[in-house]
N, C-alpha and C. Protein backbone atom coordinates (compact mmCIF):
# COMPACT_ATOMS: atom_id res chain seq x y z
N MET A 1 -85.94 -15.91 118.65
CA MET A 1 -87.09 -16.56 118.04
C MET A 1 -87.06 -18.04 118.41
N GLN A 2 -88.23 -18.61 118.68
CA GLN A 2 -88.35 -20.02 119.01
C GLN A 2 -88.39 -20.86 117.74
N GLU A 3 -87.82 -22.04 117.83
CA GLU A 3 -87.87 -23.01 116.74
C GLU A 3 -88.36 -24.32 117.33
N LEU A 4 -89.23 -25.03 116.63
CA LEU A 4 -89.63 -26.35 117.09
C LEU A 4 -88.47 -27.31 116.92
N LYS A 5 -88.25 -28.17 117.91
CA LYS A 5 -87.22 -29.20 117.78
C LYS A 5 -87.83 -30.52 118.22
N TRP A 6 -87.20 -31.60 117.83
CA TRP A 6 -87.74 -32.91 118.16
C TRP A 6 -86.63 -33.86 118.57
N SER A 7 -87.04 -34.88 119.33
CA SER A 7 -86.14 -35.99 119.64
C SER A 7 -86.92 -37.27 119.33
N ILE A 8 -86.20 -38.29 118.89
CA ILE A 8 -86.84 -39.54 118.47
C ILE A 8 -86.26 -40.69 119.29
N MET A 9 -87.16 -41.58 119.75
CA MET A 9 -86.73 -42.73 120.55
C MET A 9 -87.62 -43.92 120.21
N LYS A 10 -87.00 -45.09 120.06
CA LYS A 10 -87.75 -46.31 119.80
C LYS A 10 -88.24 -46.87 121.13
N LYS A 11 -89.54 -47.19 121.20
CA LYS A 11 -90.14 -47.77 122.40
C LYS A 11 -90.41 -49.25 122.17
N PRO A 12 -90.52 -50.03 123.24
CA PRO A 12 -90.89 -51.44 123.07
C PRO A 12 -92.26 -51.57 122.41
N GLY A 13 -92.48 -52.66 121.72
CA GLY A 13 -93.77 -52.91 121.10
C GLY A 13 -93.94 -52.28 119.73
N GLY A 14 -92.85 -51.92 119.08
CA GLY A 14 -92.94 -51.39 117.72
C GLY A 14 -93.49 -49.98 117.63
N VAL A 15 -93.18 -49.13 118.62
CA VAL A 15 -93.68 -47.76 118.64
C VAL A 15 -92.50 -46.79 118.61
N LEU A 16 -92.64 -45.74 117.83
CA LEU A 16 -91.64 -44.68 117.76
C LEU A 16 -92.16 -43.48 118.53
N LEU A 17 -91.39 -42.98 119.50
CA LEU A 17 -91.80 -41.84 120.30
C LEU A 17 -91.05 -40.60 119.80
N ILE A 18 -91.80 -39.57 119.42
CA ILE A 18 -91.23 -38.30 118.99
C ILE A 18 -91.68 -37.24 119.98
N THR A 19 -90.73 -36.55 120.60
CA THR A 19 -91.04 -35.48 121.54
C THR A 19 -90.76 -34.15 120.86
N VAL A 20 -91.75 -33.25 120.88
CA VAL A 20 -91.62 -31.94 120.23
C VAL A 20 -91.58 -30.87 121.31
N THR A 21 -90.52 -30.06 121.30
CA THR A 21 -90.37 -28.95 122.23
C THR A 21 -89.92 -27.73 121.43
N SER A 22 -89.37 -26.73 122.11
CA SER A 22 -88.89 -25.52 121.42
C SER A 22 -87.51 -25.15 121.93
N CYS A 23 -86.78 -24.40 121.13
CA CYS A 23 -85.48 -23.87 121.54
C CYS A 23 -85.29 -22.50 120.89
N GLU A 24 -84.40 -21.72 121.46
CA GLU A 24 -84.10 -20.38 120.91
C GLU A 24 -83.16 -20.50 119.72
N LYS A 25 -83.44 -19.75 118.68
CA LYS A 25 -82.58 -19.67 117.49
C LYS A 25 -82.61 -18.24 116.98
N GLU A 26 -81.53 -17.85 116.35
CA GLU A 26 -81.52 -16.57 115.64
C GLU A 26 -82.36 -16.73 114.38
N PRO A 27 -83.15 -15.72 114.00
CA PRO A 27 -84.00 -15.84 112.82
C PRO A 27 -83.25 -16.25 111.55
N ASN A 28 -82.02 -15.81 111.41
CA ASN A 28 -81.25 -16.16 110.21
C ASN A 28 -80.72 -17.60 110.24
N GLN A 29 -80.91 -18.32 111.36
CA GLN A 29 -80.47 -19.72 111.46
C GLN A 29 -81.60 -20.70 111.19
N ILE A 30 -82.79 -20.20 110.88
CA ILE A 30 -83.94 -21.06 110.69
C ILE A 30 -84.16 -21.28 109.20
N PRO A 31 -83.94 -22.52 108.72
CA PRO A 31 -84.09 -22.79 107.29
C PRO A 31 -85.57 -22.84 106.87
N ASP A 32 -85.81 -23.03 105.57
CA ASP A 32 -87.18 -23.06 105.10
C ASP A 32 -87.85 -24.40 105.39
N ALA A 33 -89.16 -24.46 105.17
CA ALA A 33 -89.97 -25.64 105.51
C ALA A 33 -89.50 -26.88 104.77
N PHE A 34 -89.07 -26.73 103.50
CA PHE A 34 -88.63 -27.88 102.71
C PHE A 34 -87.41 -28.54 103.35
N VAL A 35 -86.49 -27.75 103.87
CA VAL A 35 -85.30 -28.29 104.54
C VAL A 35 -85.72 -29.08 105.78
N TYR A 36 -86.65 -28.52 106.57
CA TYR A 36 -87.14 -29.23 107.76
C TYR A 36 -87.83 -30.54 107.39
N GLU A 37 -88.65 -30.49 106.35
CA GLU A 37 -89.35 -31.70 105.92
C GLU A 37 -88.37 -32.80 105.55
N ARG A 38 -87.36 -32.48 104.73
CA ARG A 38 -86.35 -33.48 104.32
C ARG A 38 -85.59 -34.01 105.53
N LYS A 39 -85.19 -33.11 106.42
CA LYS A 39 -84.43 -33.50 107.61
C LYS A 39 -85.26 -34.43 108.49
N PHE A 40 -86.52 -34.09 108.70
CA PHE A 40 -87.39 -34.90 109.54
C PHE A 40 -87.64 -36.27 108.92
N LYS A 41 -87.88 -36.32 107.61
CA LYS A 41 -88.10 -37.60 106.92
C LYS A 41 -86.84 -38.48 106.99
N ARG A 42 -85.65 -37.86 106.85
CA ARG A 42 -84.40 -38.63 106.96
C ARG A 42 -84.25 -39.23 108.36
N MET A 43 -84.68 -38.48 109.38
CA MET A 43 -84.58 -39.00 110.75
C MET A 43 -85.55 -40.15 110.99
N LEU A 44 -86.69 -40.15 110.30
CA LEU A 44 -87.67 -41.22 110.45
C LEU A 44 -87.29 -42.49 109.68
N GLU A 45 -86.52 -42.34 108.63
CA GLU A 45 -86.20 -43.43 107.72
C GLU A 45 -85.66 -44.69 108.40
N PRO A 46 -84.70 -44.60 109.32
CA PRO A 46 -84.19 -45.83 109.95
C PRO A 46 -85.24 -46.59 110.77
N PHE A 47 -86.36 -45.95 111.04
CA PHE A 47 -87.38 -46.56 111.88
C PHE A 47 -88.55 -47.11 111.06
N ARG A 48 -88.34 -47.43 109.81
CA ARG A 48 -89.40 -47.91 108.92
C ARG A 48 -90.13 -49.14 109.45
N PRO A 49 -89.47 -50.12 110.08
CA PRO A 49 -90.21 -51.30 110.53
C PRO A 49 -91.21 -51.00 111.66
N ILE A 50 -91.09 -49.86 112.28
CA ILE A 50 -91.97 -49.51 113.40
C ILE A 50 -93.37 -49.23 112.87
N THR A 51 -94.38 -49.72 113.61
CA THR A 51 -95.74 -49.70 113.09
C THR A 51 -96.58 -48.50 113.51
N ARG A 52 -96.18 -47.78 114.57
CA ARG A 52 -96.96 -46.63 115.03
C ARG A 52 -96.03 -45.53 115.54
N ILE A 53 -96.50 -44.30 115.42
CA ILE A 53 -95.74 -43.16 115.93
C ILE A 53 -96.56 -42.49 117.03
N ASP A 54 -95.92 -42.28 118.18
CA ASP A 54 -96.50 -41.49 119.27
C ASP A 54 -95.77 -40.17 119.33
N LEU A 55 -96.52 -39.10 119.36
CA LEU A 55 -95.96 -37.75 119.37
C LEU A 55 -96.35 -37.11 120.70
N ILE A 56 -95.38 -36.57 121.43
CA ILE A 56 -95.68 -35.85 122.66
C ILE A 56 -95.24 -34.40 122.45
N VAL A 57 -96.19 -33.47 122.61
CA VAL A 57 -95.93 -32.06 122.34
C VAL A 57 -96.00 -31.26 123.64
N ASN A 58 -94.95 -30.48 123.89
CA ASN A 58 -94.94 -29.50 124.97
C ASN A 58 -94.13 -28.32 124.45
N SER A 59 -94.82 -27.41 123.76
CA SER A 59 -94.14 -26.30 123.11
C SER A 59 -95.08 -25.11 122.98
N PRO A 60 -94.56 -23.90 123.26
CA PRO A 60 -95.38 -22.70 123.05
C PRO A 60 -95.50 -22.35 121.57
N GLY A 61 -94.75 -23.06 120.74
CA GLY A 61 -94.76 -22.78 119.31
C GLY A 61 -93.37 -22.42 118.85
N GLY A 62 -93.28 -21.79 117.71
CA GLY A 62 -91.98 -21.43 117.18
C GLY A 62 -92.10 -21.01 115.74
N ALA A 63 -90.99 -21.09 115.04
CA ALA A 63 -90.94 -20.68 113.65
C ALA A 63 -91.89 -21.54 112.80
N VAL A 64 -92.64 -20.88 111.96
CA VAL A 64 -93.60 -21.56 111.10
C VAL A 64 -92.89 -22.55 110.18
N ASN A 65 -91.67 -22.22 109.73
CA ASN A 65 -90.95 -23.11 108.81
C ASN A 65 -90.77 -24.50 109.40
N SER A 66 -90.35 -24.59 110.67
CA SER A 66 -90.14 -25.90 111.27
C SER A 66 -91.46 -26.64 111.40
N ALA A 67 -92.53 -25.93 111.78
CA ALA A 67 -93.83 -26.58 111.92
C ALA A 67 -94.36 -27.07 110.57
N LEU A 68 -94.25 -26.24 109.54
CA LEU A 68 -94.71 -26.65 108.21
C LEU A 68 -93.96 -27.89 107.71
N GLY A 69 -92.65 -27.90 107.92
CA GLY A 69 -91.85 -29.05 107.49
C GLY A 69 -92.22 -30.32 108.22
N MET A 70 -92.37 -30.23 109.54
CA MET A 70 -92.74 -31.41 110.32
C MET A 70 -94.16 -31.87 109.97
N THR A 71 -95.08 -30.92 109.80
CA THR A 71 -96.46 -31.26 109.47
C THR A 71 -96.53 -31.99 108.14
N LYS A 72 -95.80 -31.49 107.14
CA LYS A 72 -95.80 -32.14 105.82
C LYS A 72 -95.23 -33.54 105.92
N ALA A 73 -94.13 -33.71 106.65
CA ALA A 73 -93.53 -35.04 106.79
C ALA A 73 -94.47 -36.00 107.51
N LEU A 74 -95.13 -35.54 108.56
CA LEU A 74 -96.05 -36.41 109.30
C LEU A 74 -97.31 -36.70 108.51
N THR A 75 -97.78 -35.74 107.72
CA THR A 75 -98.97 -35.94 106.90
C THR A 75 -98.69 -36.99 105.82
N ASP A 76 -97.46 -37.06 105.32
CA ASP A 76 -97.08 -38.05 104.32
C ASP A 76 -96.90 -39.45 104.91
N GLU A 77 -96.80 -39.55 106.23
CA GLU A 77 -96.59 -40.83 106.92
C GLU A 77 -97.80 -41.75 106.72
N LYS A 78 -97.53 -43.01 106.46
CA LYS A 78 -98.61 -44.00 106.31
C LYS A 78 -98.95 -44.65 107.65
N ARG A 79 -98.01 -44.64 108.59
CA ARG A 79 -98.24 -45.25 109.90
C ARG A 79 -99.19 -44.39 110.73
N PRO A 80 -100.00 -45.03 111.59
CA PRO A 80 -100.87 -44.23 112.46
C PRO A 80 -100.06 -43.38 113.42
N ILE A 81 -100.53 -42.16 113.66
CA ILE A 81 -99.84 -41.23 114.56
C ILE A 81 -100.82 -40.77 115.63
N ARG A 82 -100.41 -40.96 116.90
CA ARG A 82 -101.17 -40.47 118.04
C ARG A 82 -100.38 -39.33 118.66
N CYS A 83 -101.09 -38.36 119.23
CA CYS A 83 -100.42 -37.22 119.85
C CYS A 83 -100.94 -37.00 121.26
N LEU A 84 -100.03 -36.68 122.17
CA LEU A 84 -100.39 -36.26 123.52
C LEU A 84 -99.86 -34.86 123.72
N ILE A 85 -100.75 -33.94 124.07
CA ILE A 85 -100.34 -32.59 124.45
C ILE A 85 -100.08 -32.64 125.95
N ASP A 86 -98.82 -32.50 126.32
CA ASP A 86 -98.41 -32.64 127.72
C ASP A 86 -97.75 -31.34 128.16
N GLY A 87 -98.55 -30.35 128.46
CA GLY A 87 -98.05 -29.02 128.81
C GLY A 87 -98.73 -28.01 127.91
N GLN A 88 -97.93 -27.27 127.19
CA GLN A 88 -98.50 -26.27 126.29
C GLN A 88 -98.39 -26.71 124.84
N CYS A 89 -99.38 -26.32 124.08
CA CYS A 89 -99.36 -26.56 122.63
C CYS A 89 -99.91 -25.28 122.01
N GLY A 90 -99.00 -24.41 121.61
CA GLY A 90 -99.42 -23.12 121.11
C GLY A 90 -98.88 -22.82 119.75
N SER A 91 -99.58 -21.94 119.07
CA SER A 91 -99.08 -21.36 117.84
C SER A 91 -98.67 -22.43 116.84
N ALA A 92 -97.43 -22.42 116.39
CA ALA A 92 -96.95 -23.35 115.37
C ALA A 92 -96.99 -24.81 115.83
N ALA A 93 -96.91 -25.06 117.13
CA ALA A 93 -96.96 -26.44 117.63
C ALA A 93 -98.31 -27.09 117.33
N THR A 94 -99.38 -26.27 117.23
CA THR A 94 -100.69 -26.84 116.90
C THR A 94 -100.69 -27.42 115.49
N MET A 95 -99.85 -26.87 114.61
CA MET A 95 -99.76 -27.38 113.23
C MET A 95 -99.24 -28.81 113.20
N VAL A 96 -98.42 -29.16 114.19
CA VAL A 96 -97.83 -30.49 114.25
C VAL A 96 -98.77 -31.45 114.98
N ALA A 97 -99.38 -30.99 116.07
CA ALA A 97 -100.19 -31.86 116.93
C ALA A 97 -101.56 -32.19 116.35
N LEU A 98 -102.28 -31.19 115.90
CA LEU A 98 -103.70 -31.37 115.59
C LEU A 98 -104.01 -32.20 114.35
N PRO A 99 -103.14 -32.31 113.34
CA PRO A 99 -103.47 -33.18 112.21
C PRO A 99 -103.36 -34.68 112.51
N CYS A 100 -102.84 -35.05 113.68
CA CYS A 100 -102.67 -36.47 114.02
C CYS A 100 -104.03 -37.18 114.07
N ARG A 101 -104.01 -38.47 113.82
CA ARG A 101 -105.23 -39.27 113.80
C ARG A 101 -105.95 -39.21 115.15
N GLU A 102 -105.20 -39.36 116.24
CA GLU A 102 -105.75 -39.29 117.59
C GLU A 102 -104.97 -38.23 118.36
N VAL A 103 -105.68 -37.33 119.06
CA VAL A 103 -105.02 -36.28 119.83
C VAL A 103 -105.61 -36.28 121.25
N TYR A 104 -104.71 -36.39 122.23
CA TYR A 104 -105.09 -36.41 123.64
C TYR A 104 -104.40 -35.24 124.34
N ILE A 105 -104.92 -34.89 125.53
CA ILE A 105 -104.37 -33.77 126.29
C ILE A 105 -104.36 -34.14 127.77
N THR A 106 -103.28 -33.79 128.47
CA THR A 106 -103.22 -34.05 129.91
C THR A 106 -104.05 -32.99 130.64
N PRO A 107 -104.50 -33.29 131.87
CA PRO A 107 -105.37 -32.37 132.61
C PRO A 107 -104.78 -30.98 132.88
N ALA A 108 -103.47 -30.86 132.96
CA ALA A 108 -102.84 -29.56 133.28
C ALA A 108 -102.33 -28.83 132.03
N SER A 109 -102.77 -29.24 130.87
CA SER A 109 -102.26 -28.67 129.61
C SER A 109 -103.24 -27.64 129.03
N HIS A 110 -102.82 -27.01 127.94
CA HIS A 110 -103.71 -26.11 127.20
C HIS A 110 -103.27 -26.03 125.74
N VAL A 111 -104.20 -25.59 124.91
CA VAL A 111 -103.94 -25.35 123.49
C VAL A 111 -104.18 -23.86 123.25
N TYR A 112 -103.25 -23.23 122.55
CA TYR A 112 -103.35 -21.79 122.28
C TYR A 112 -103.31 -21.56 120.78
N ILE A 113 -104.35 -20.90 120.28
CA ILE A 113 -104.47 -20.64 118.84
C ILE A 113 -104.56 -19.14 118.60
N HIS A 114 -103.81 -18.65 117.62
CA HIS A 114 -103.84 -17.23 117.28
C HIS A 114 -103.49 -17.04 115.82
N MET A 115 -103.65 -15.84 115.34
CA MET A 115 -103.27 -15.49 113.98
C MET A 115 -101.75 -15.38 113.94
N PRO A 116 -101.09 -16.10 113.02
CA PRO A 116 -99.62 -16.05 113.00
C PRO A 116 -99.09 -14.68 112.60
N LYS A 117 -97.90 -14.41 113.10
CA LYS A 117 -97.22 -13.16 112.76
C LYS A 117 -96.03 -13.50 111.86
N THR A 118 -95.67 -12.57 111.02
CA THR A 118 -94.51 -12.77 110.16
C THR A 118 -93.35 -12.01 110.77
N TYR A 119 -92.29 -12.73 111.16
CA TYR A 119 -91.15 -12.12 111.82
C TYR A 119 -90.45 -11.13 110.90
N GLY A 120 -90.28 -9.92 111.36
CA GLY A 120 -89.48 -8.93 110.65
C GLY A 120 -90.08 -8.41 109.37
N ALA A 121 -91.36 -8.64 109.09
CA ALA A 121 -91.95 -8.23 107.82
C ALA A 121 -91.90 -6.72 107.63
N LYS A 122 -92.01 -5.96 108.72
CA LYS A 122 -92.01 -4.50 108.60
C LYS A 122 -90.63 -3.97 108.19
N LYS A 123 -89.58 -4.74 108.45
CA LYS A 123 -88.23 -4.30 108.11
C LYS A 123 -87.87 -4.63 106.67
N LEU A 124 -88.68 -5.47 106.03
CA LEU A 124 -88.38 -5.90 104.68
C LEU A 124 -88.98 -4.92 103.68
N SER A 125 -88.44 -4.92 102.47
CA SER A 125 -89.00 -4.03 101.45
C SER A 125 -89.12 -4.78 100.13
N GLY A 126 -89.94 -4.23 99.24
CA GLY A 126 -90.08 -4.75 97.89
C GLY A 126 -90.49 -6.21 97.82
N VAL A 127 -89.73 -6.97 97.03
CA VAL A 127 -90.02 -8.38 96.78
C VAL A 127 -89.99 -9.18 98.08
N TRP A 128 -89.05 -8.88 98.96
CA TRP A 128 -88.93 -9.64 100.22
C TRP A 128 -90.15 -9.44 101.10
N HIS A 129 -90.68 -8.22 101.12
CA HIS A 129 -91.89 -7.96 101.89
C HIS A 129 -93.06 -8.74 101.30
N LEU A 130 -93.19 -8.76 99.98
CA LEU A 130 -94.24 -9.50 99.30
C LEU A 130 -94.12 -11.00 99.60
N MET A 131 -92.91 -11.54 99.53
CA MET A 131 -92.70 -12.96 99.81
C MET A 131 -93.09 -13.28 101.25
N SER A 132 -92.76 -12.41 102.17
CA SER A 132 -93.10 -12.61 103.57
C SER A 132 -94.62 -12.64 103.75
N ARG A 133 -95.30 -11.73 103.07
CA ARG A 133 -96.77 -11.68 103.16
C ARG A 133 -97.40 -12.93 102.53
N LEU A 134 -96.84 -13.41 101.42
CA LEU A 134 -97.35 -14.62 100.78
C LEU A 134 -97.15 -15.85 101.68
N GLN A 135 -96.00 -15.91 102.36
CA GLN A 135 -95.75 -17.02 103.28
C GLN A 135 -96.77 -16.99 104.42
N LYS A 136 -97.08 -15.80 104.94
CA LYS A 136 -98.06 -15.69 106.01
C LYS A 136 -99.43 -16.15 105.52
N LEU A 137 -99.82 -15.75 104.31
CA LEU A 137 -101.10 -16.15 103.74
C LEU A 137 -101.17 -17.67 103.61
N SER A 138 -100.10 -18.29 103.13
CA SER A 138 -100.04 -19.74 103.00
C SER A 138 -100.15 -20.41 104.36
N THR A 139 -99.47 -19.86 105.35
CA THR A 139 -99.51 -20.41 106.70
C THR A 139 -100.91 -20.29 107.29
N VAL A 140 -101.53 -19.14 107.13
CA VAL A 140 -102.89 -18.94 107.63
C VAL A 140 -103.85 -19.95 106.99
N ASN A 141 -103.74 -20.15 105.69
CA ASN A 141 -104.61 -21.11 104.99
C ASN A 141 -104.37 -22.53 105.48
N THR A 142 -103.11 -22.89 105.73
CA THR A 142 -102.79 -24.22 106.26
C THR A 142 -103.41 -24.40 107.65
N LEU A 143 -103.25 -23.40 108.51
CA LEU A 143 -103.82 -23.48 109.85
C LEU A 143 -105.35 -23.56 109.81
N ILE A 144 -105.97 -22.76 108.97
CA ILE A 144 -107.42 -22.80 108.86
C ILE A 144 -107.87 -24.20 108.45
N SER A 145 -107.18 -24.82 107.51
CA SER A 145 -107.53 -26.18 107.08
C SER A 145 -107.41 -27.17 108.23
N ILE A 146 -106.32 -27.08 108.98
CA ILE A 146 -106.10 -27.99 110.12
C ILE A 146 -107.21 -27.80 111.16
N TYR A 147 -107.47 -26.56 111.54
CA TYR A 147 -108.47 -26.29 112.57
C TYR A 147 -109.88 -26.67 112.10
N ARG A 148 -110.20 -26.38 110.84
CA ARG A 148 -111.52 -26.74 110.30
C ARG A 148 -111.72 -28.24 110.33
N HIS A 149 -110.69 -28.98 109.99
CA HIS A 149 -110.77 -30.45 109.99
C HIS A 149 -111.11 -30.96 111.38
N ARG A 150 -110.48 -30.39 112.39
CA ARG A 150 -110.72 -30.80 113.78
C ARG A 150 -112.04 -30.29 114.31
N LEU A 151 -112.34 -29.00 114.10
CA LEU A 151 -113.48 -28.36 114.73
C LEU A 151 -114.80 -28.54 113.97
N GLY A 152 -114.70 -28.66 112.64
CA GLY A 152 -115.91 -28.71 111.83
C GLY A 152 -116.58 -27.35 111.68
N TRP A 153 -115.84 -26.29 111.92
CA TRP A 153 -116.38 -24.93 111.84
C TRP A 153 -116.22 -24.39 110.43
N SER A 154 -116.92 -23.29 110.16
CA SER A 154 -116.77 -22.61 108.87
C SER A 154 -115.41 -21.91 108.84
N ARG A 155 -114.96 -21.62 107.64
CA ARG A 155 -113.70 -20.91 107.45
C ARG A 155 -113.72 -19.55 108.16
N LYS A 156 -114.87 -18.87 108.06
CA LYS A 156 -115.03 -17.56 108.68
C LYS A 156 -114.92 -17.65 110.21
N ASP A 157 -115.56 -18.64 110.81
CA ASP A 157 -115.51 -18.81 112.27
C ASP A 157 -114.10 -19.16 112.75
N VAL A 158 -113.41 -20.00 111.99
CA VAL A 158 -112.03 -20.36 112.37
C VAL A 158 -111.13 -19.13 112.28
N ARG A 159 -111.25 -18.37 111.22
CA ARG A 159 -110.44 -17.15 111.05
C ARG A 159 -110.69 -16.18 112.21
N GLN A 160 -111.96 -16.04 112.60
CA GLN A 160 -112.28 -15.13 113.70
C GLN A 160 -111.67 -15.63 115.02
N MET A 161 -111.73 -16.94 115.25
CA MET A 161 -111.12 -17.50 116.45
C MET A 161 -109.62 -17.20 116.47
N MET A 162 -108.96 -17.33 115.33
CA MET A 162 -107.53 -17.05 115.24
C MET A 162 -107.26 -15.57 115.53
N LYS A 163 -108.09 -14.68 114.99
CA LYS A 163 -107.92 -13.25 115.24
C LYS A 163 -108.12 -12.91 116.72
N ASP A 164 -109.05 -13.63 117.36
CA ASP A 164 -109.34 -13.39 118.78
C ASP A 164 -108.29 -13.97 119.72
N SER A 165 -107.38 -14.81 119.23
CA SER A 165 -106.36 -15.48 120.05
C SER A 165 -107.03 -16.22 121.21
N ARG A 166 -107.23 -17.50 121.04
CA ARG A 166 -108.00 -18.28 122.01
C ARG A 166 -107.15 -19.35 122.68
N ARG A 167 -107.27 -19.43 124.00
CA ARG A 167 -106.61 -20.48 124.79
C ARG A 167 -107.70 -21.47 125.21
N PHE A 168 -107.47 -22.76 124.95
CA PHE A 168 -108.42 -23.80 125.28
C PHE A 168 -107.92 -24.62 126.47
N SER A 169 -108.74 -24.74 127.49
CA SER A 169 -108.45 -25.66 128.60
C SER A 169 -108.64 -27.08 128.06
N PRO A 170 -108.20 -28.10 128.80
CA PRO A 170 -108.45 -29.47 128.33
C PRO A 170 -109.94 -29.75 128.07
N ALA A 171 -110.81 -29.31 128.99
CA ALA A 171 -112.25 -29.55 128.82
C ALA A 171 -112.78 -28.83 127.57
N GLU A 172 -112.35 -27.59 127.36
CA GLU A 172 -112.79 -26.84 126.17
C GLU A 172 -112.25 -27.48 124.88
N ALA A 173 -111.02 -27.98 124.95
CA ALA A 173 -110.43 -28.61 123.77
C ALA A 173 -111.20 -29.88 123.39
N VAL A 174 -111.65 -30.64 124.38
CA VAL A 174 -112.46 -31.84 124.10
C VAL A 174 -113.84 -31.43 123.61
N GLU A 175 -114.45 -30.46 124.27
CA GLU A 175 -115.80 -30.02 123.92
C GLU A 175 -115.88 -29.51 122.47
N THR A 176 -114.84 -28.82 122.02
CA THR A 176 -114.83 -28.27 120.66
C THR A 176 -114.26 -29.25 119.63
N HIS A 177 -113.79 -30.40 120.07
CA HIS A 177 -113.23 -31.45 119.21
C HIS A 177 -111.82 -31.13 118.70
N LEU A 178 -111.13 -30.20 119.34
CA LEU A 178 -109.72 -30.00 118.99
C LEU A 178 -108.92 -31.24 119.35
N VAL A 179 -109.29 -31.85 120.48
CA VAL A 179 -108.64 -33.09 120.92
C VAL A 179 -109.72 -34.13 121.17
N ASP A 180 -109.30 -35.40 121.24
CA ASP A 180 -110.26 -36.49 121.41
C ASP A 180 -110.66 -36.72 122.86
N MET A 181 -109.67 -36.66 123.77
CA MET A 181 -110.00 -36.87 125.17
C MET A 181 -108.86 -36.42 126.09
N ILE A 182 -109.21 -36.24 127.37
CA ILE A 182 -108.22 -35.90 128.39
C ILE A 182 -107.63 -37.21 128.91
N MET A 183 -106.30 -37.25 129.03
CA MET A 183 -105.63 -38.48 129.42
C MET A 183 -104.31 -38.16 130.12
N GLU A 184 -104.01 -38.83 131.20
CA GLU A 184 -102.72 -38.69 131.87
C GLU A 184 -101.63 -39.29 130.99
N ARG A 185 -100.41 -38.81 131.15
CA ARG A 185 -99.31 -39.30 130.32
C ARG A 185 -99.09 -40.80 130.51
N ARG A 186 -99.15 -41.28 131.74
CA ARG A 186 -98.91 -42.71 131.96
C ARG A 186 -99.99 -43.55 131.26
N GLU A 187 -101.24 -43.04 131.21
CA GLU A 187 -102.30 -43.75 130.49
C GLU A 187 -101.99 -43.78 128.99
N PHE A 188 -101.53 -42.66 128.46
CA PHE A 188 -101.19 -42.57 127.04
C PHE A 188 -100.10 -43.58 126.69
N GLU A 189 -99.11 -43.68 127.55
CA GLU A 189 -98.00 -44.61 127.29
C GLU A 189 -98.45 -46.06 127.36
N GLN A 190 -99.52 -46.36 128.11
CA GLN A 190 -100.01 -47.73 128.23
C GLN A 190 -101.14 -48.02 127.23
N TYR A 191 -101.83 -46.98 126.78
CA TYR A 191 -103.00 -47.10 125.93
C TYR A 191 -102.58 -47.50 124.51
N ALA A 192 -103.14 -48.56 123.99
CA ALA A 192 -102.73 -49.04 122.67
C ALA A 192 -103.56 -48.48 121.57
C-alpha cells in the first residue's frame, strides 16, 4: 500500500518548501490521520518565522490517513500555501494539493480523481467493517467538499465524476478550475 510522505526544506526569501511523494508501506504500519496531523504540525513548528509555504506534489496517492492528516494540518496553517503539481497528483494526493490557496500544474502533469476504496474492508467483520465503511464515508465527504470548492459543481456532479474516475490533463484542470494555471517548475520557483 502507498503512503504519502513529505520532505521539508527552507528556501531563501522566507519560504518553506514541502515536497510530497509516496512510498510503500505495509497496511498495518500506517497510523491514523490524527497521528499524521500531529507529526506534520511538529515538523512545521521550527519553521514558524517563515512567511509562505510552497508545496510540490508528485504522487499517485496513498493511504487516506496520511492525506487527511496532512490536509488538516495545512488547512489549520495561517501562512499562504501555494502548490505545484509536478508529475502526477492522484487519489489521496489531491486532498493535499487542491485545498491550497494557489494551485499550479506543469505541462507534463495530470490530476486523477476517483472514488476512494477502503483497504481490506471485505476481510473485516462486525464493528471493524462498520468503522471501515464510516471512514470511507467521511473521506468521500471530505473529497467532495474539496472538489466542490475548486470546481463550483453540485455535490451530485462531483460524486458522479468520482465514480467515473477522471484524469485531467493540465488544460482540462485549468478549464475546470481544479488548478489556477499551467506553469513550469522553474517559473513556480521564481514566481512570488
